[in-house]
Protein backbone atom coordinates (compact mmCIF):
# COMPACT_ATOMS: atom_id res chain seq x y z
CA MET A 1 -13.37 3.26 5.67
CA GLU A 2 -12.70 -0.50 5.20
CA TRP A 3 -9.57 -2.36 4.48
CA ILE A 4 -9.48 -3.68 0.77
CA SER A 5 -7.62 -6.93 0.10
CA VAL A 6 -5.13 -6.58 -2.67
CA LYS A 7 -6.60 -9.74 -4.28
CA ASP A 8 -10.05 -8.02 -4.75
CA SER A 9 -9.83 -6.96 -8.38
CA SER A 10 -13.14 -5.07 -8.06
CA TYR A 11 -11.12 -2.09 -6.20
CA PRO A 12 -8.10 -1.33 -8.17
CA VAL A 13 -5.18 0.41 -6.29
CA PRO A 14 -4.45 3.80 -7.81
CA PHE A 15 -1.01 3.87 -9.21
CA PHE A 16 1.31 6.18 -7.52
CA GLU A 17 -1.39 7.65 -5.25
CA ASN A 18 -0.37 7.22 -1.34
CA VAL A 19 -2.55 5.10 0.56
CA LEU A 20 -2.48 3.29 3.94
CA ILE A 21 -0.95 -0.30 3.42
CA TYR A 22 -1.14 -3.18 5.85
CA THR A 23 1.49 -5.98 6.18
CA LYS A 24 2.24 -8.12 9.33
CA LEU A 25 4.96 -5.93 10.07
CA GLY A 26 2.50 -2.94 10.42
CA ILE A 27 0.56 -0.26 8.81
CA PHE A 28 2.55 2.24 6.48
CA ILE A 29 1.85 4.99 3.95
CA GLY A 30 2.88 4.05 0.34
CA ASN A 31 1.82 3.65 -3.27
CA LEU A 32 1.54 1.02 -5.88
CA ASN A 33 4.15 1.31 -8.98
CA PRO A 34 3.49 -0.74 -11.90
CA HIS A 35 6.60 -2.65 -13.41
CA LEU A 36 7.19 -4.82 -16.05
CA ASN A 37 7.52 -7.88 -13.83
CA GLY A 38 4.64 -7.20 -11.71
CA ASN A 39 3.41 -4.40 -9.10
CA TYR A 40 5.95 -3.08 -6.64
CA TRP A 41 4.96 -1.17 -3.39
CA ASN A 42 6.76 1.99 -2.62
CA LEU A 43 6.71 2.60 1.22
CA THR A 44 7.37 6.13 2.67
CA ASP A 45 9.63 4.32 5.22
CA TRP A 46 12.39 3.02 2.76
CA HIS A 47 14.09 0.99 5.55
CA ILE A 48 11.08 -1.01 6.03
CA ASN A 49 10.50 -1.25 2.32
CA GLU A 50 13.33 -4.03 1.80
CA CYS A 51 11.96 -6.32 4.48
CA GLN A 52 8.17 -5.83 3.70
CA GLU A 53 8.99 -6.74 0.02
CA ASP A 54 10.89 -9.78 0.68
CA TYR A 55 9.16 -11.27 3.77
CA GLU A 56 5.74 -9.64 4.33
CA PRO A 57 3.62 -8.59 1.32
CA VAL A 58 1.01 -5.98 1.39
CA THR A 59 -2.34 -7.82 2.11
CA HIS A 60 -4.54 -4.70 2.23
CA TRP A 61 -4.86 -1.15 1.51
CA MET A 62 -7.38 1.69 2.08
CA PRO A 63 -7.48 5.38 0.99
CA LEU A 64 -5.77 8.06 3.08
CA PRO A 65 -8.33 9.91 5.31
CA LYS A 66 -9.06 13.57 4.26
CA PRO A 67 -7.19 16.12 6.12
CA PRO A 68 -9.16 18.18 8.94
CA LYS A 69 -10.78 21.51 7.76
CA GLU A 70 -9.87 24.50 9.50
């Protein structure tokens, strides 16, 4: 799998589906939430969410890997 730029319109991020997201602060699990004033990233680590939204925007995403089969 490869990272997908959020600027690449040919690969839309699925709304509300958890994906890996990349910022300069690190790699997180989160989902894209559509809002009237644009899209907003929900992160599973809410403490990081405030810093990420204000200072380090999401630049890339990729689908989560499939879980192992037992």
